[in-house]
Amino acid sequence: MHDARWFEEAGLPACALISSGFIPQARYQAQILDAINVPQVFVPHPISDQTKAQMYEKANASFDQVYDAITTTWI
């Protein structure tokens, strides 16, 4: 959330890409960082023990959401 907020404040479109295992924490951080308008895309958890093929699958599945988040009007 910190990085996505920083980029958004700098006028660059950003999207926080977050493991779904951390949804409550990400939403809380967005609130305390005054970044509730920064787009968040949640990728199915887990991440750390996935194979390269599994990570490509997760990336492909979330691509459209990330693309939409960074190509639409931002903060």
C-alpha atoms as a PDB file:
ATOM      1  CA  MET A   1       0.000   0.000   0.000  1.00  0.00           C
ATOM      2  CA  HIS A   2       2.840   2.382   0.792  1.00  0.00           C
ATOM      3  CA  ASP A   3       4.374   2.125  -2.671  1.00  0.00           C
ATOM      4  CA  ALA A   4       1.066   2.334  -4.534  1.00  0.00           C
ATOM      5  CA  ARG A   5       0.096   5.399  -2.493  1.00  0.00           C
ATOM      6  CA  TRP A   6       3.463   7.030  -3.197  1.00  0.00           C
ATOM      7  CA  PHE A   7       3.108   6.500  -6.952  1.00  0.00           C
ATOM      8  CA  GLU A   8      -0.469   7.779  -6.945  1.00  0.00           C
ATOM      9  CA  GLU A   9       0.586  10.891  -5.028  1.00  0.00           C
ATOM     10  CA  ALA A  10       3.352  11.435  -7.580  1.00  0.00           C
ATOM     11  CA  GLY A  11       0.699  11.454 -10.305  1.00  0.00           C
ATOM     12  CA  LEU A  12       1.518   8.000 -11.632  1.00  0.00           C
ATOM     13  CA  PRO A  13      -1.193   5.371 -11.914  1.00  0.00           C
ATOM     14  CA  ALA A  14      -0.659   2.508  -9.501  1.00  0.00           C
ATOM     15  CA  CYS A  15      -2.340  -0.563  -8.178  1.00  0.00           C
ATOM     16  CA  ALA A  16      -1.590  -2.481  -5.009  1.00  0.00           C
ATOM     17  CA  LEU A  17      -1.314  -6.175  -5.894  1.00  0.00           C
ATOM     18  CA  ILE A  18      -1.960  -8.102  -2.693  1.00  0.00           C
ATOM     19  CA  SER A  19      -2.279 -11.733  -1.668  1.00  0.00           C
ATOM     20  CA  SER A  20      -5.866 -12.501  -0.692  1.00  0.00           C
ATOM     21  CA  GLY A  21      -4.594 -13.790   2.630  1.00  0.00           C
ATOM     22  CA  PHE A  22      -3.974 -10.166   3.617  1.00  0.00           C
ATOM     23  CA  ILE A  23      -7.257  -8.497   2.637  1.00  0.00           C
ATOM     24  CA  PRO A  24      -8.098  -7.160   6.123  1.00  0.00           C
ATOM     25  CA  GLN A  25      -4.579  -5.812   6.629  1.00  0.00           C
ATOM     26  CA  ALA A  26      -4.514  -4.160   3.199  1.00  0.00           C
ATOM     27  CA  ARG A  27      -7.837  -2.441   3.764  1.00  0.00           C
ATOM     28  CA  TYR A  28      -6.709  -1.265   7.196  1.00  0.00           C
ATOM     29  CA  GLN A  29      -3.442   0.101   5.806  1.00  0.00           C
ATOM     30  CA  ALA A  30      -5.328   1.881   3.046  1.00  0.00           C
ATOM     31  CA  GLN A  31      -7.415   3.631   5.692  1.00  0.00           C
ATOM     32  CA  ILE A  32      -4.540   4.683   7.910  1.00  0.00           C
ATOM     33  CA  LEU A  33      -2.453   5.806   4.925  1.00  0.00           C
ATOM     34  CA  ASP A  34      -5.343   7.844   3.508  1.00  0.00           C
ATOM     35  CA  ALA A  35      -5.149   5.663   0.410  1.00  0.00           C
ATOM     36  CA  ILE A  36      -8.672   4.263   0.200  1.00  0.00           C
ATOM     37  CA  ASN A  37      -8.899   5.370  -3.438  1.00  0.00           C
ATOM     38  CA  VAL A  38      -5.750   3.508  -4.462  1.00  0.00           C
ATOM     39  CA  PRO A  39      -6.889   0.450  -6.421  1.00  0.00           C
ATOM     40  CA  GLN A  40      -6.279  -2.926  -4.843  1.00  0.00           C
ATOM     41  CA  VAL A  41      -6.226  -6.234  -6.704  1.00  0.00           C
ATOM     42  CA  PHE A  42      -6.186  -9.399  -4.642  1.00  0.00           C
ATOM     43  CA  VAL A  43      -4.375 -12.464  -5.942  1.00  0.00           C
ATOM     44  CA  PRO A  44      -5.359 -15.880  -4.583  1.00  0.00           C
ATOM     45  CA  HIS A  45      -3.324 -16.884  -1.550  1.00  0.00           C
ATOM     46  CA  PRO A  46      -0.759 -18.456  -1.123  1.00  0.00           C
ATOM     47  CA  ILE A  47       2.070 -16.845  -3.050  1.00  0.00           C
ATOM     48  CA  SER A  48       5.405 -17.837  -1.518  1.00  0.00           C
ATOM     49  CA  ASP A  49       5.285 -21.587  -2.183  1.00  0.00           C
ATOM     50  CA  GLN A  50       3.934 -21.445  -5.719  1.00  0.00           C
ATOM     51  CA  THR A  51       5.713 -22.760  -8.772  1.00  0.00           C
ATOM     52  CA  LYS A  52       6.605 -20.499 -11.658  1.00  0.00           C
ATOM     53  CA  ALA A  53       3.663 -21.922 -13.638  1.00  0.00           C
ATOM     54  CA  GLN A  54       1.261 -21.265 -10.759  1.00  0.00           C
ATOM     55  CA  MET A  55       2.496 -17.689 -10.456  1.00  0.00           C
ATOM     56  CA  TYR A  56       2.034 -17.126 -14.193  1.00  0.00           C
ATOM     57  CA  GLU A  57      -1.511 -18.462 -13.843  1.00  0.00           C
ATOM     58  CA  LYS A  58      -2.233 -16.050 -10.982  1.00  0.00           C
ATOM     59  CA  ALA A  59      -0.688 -13.157 -12.902  1.00  0.00           C
ATOM     60  CA  ASN A  60      -2.720 -13.943 -15.997  1.00  0.00           C
ATOM     61  CA  ALA A  61      -5.913 -14.207 -13.958  1.00  0.00           C
ATOM     62  CA  SER A  62      -5.391 -10.774 -12.379  1.00  0.00           C
ATOM     63  CA  PHE A  63      -4.010  -8.961 -15.425  1.00  0.00           C
ATOM     64  CA  ASP A  64      -7.291  -7.422 -16.591  1.00  0.00           C
ATOM     65  CA  GLN A  65      -8.056  -6.028 -13.136  1.00  0.00           C
ATOM     66  CA  VAL A  66      -4.588  -4.498 -12.827  1.00  0.00           C
ATOM     67  CA  TYR A  67      -4.737  -3.084 -16.343  1.00  0.00           C
ATOM     68  CA  ASP A  68      -8.132  -1.518 -15.665  1.00  0.00           C
ATOM     69  CA  ALA A  69      -6.880  -0.069 -12.384  1.00  0.00           C
ATOM     70  CA  ILE A  70      -3.907   1.701 -13.938  1.00  0.00           C
ATOM     71  CA  THR A  71      -5.561   2.862 -17.143  1.00  0.00           C
ATOM     72  CA  THR A  72      -8.669   4.452 -15.693  1.00  0.00           C
ATOM     73  CA  THR A  73      -8.836   7.862 -14.062  1.00  0.00           C
ATOM     74  CA  TRP A  74      -6.899   7.842 -10.829  1.00  0.00           C
ATOM     75  CA  ILE A  75      -6.590  10.115  -7.817  1.00  0.00           C
END
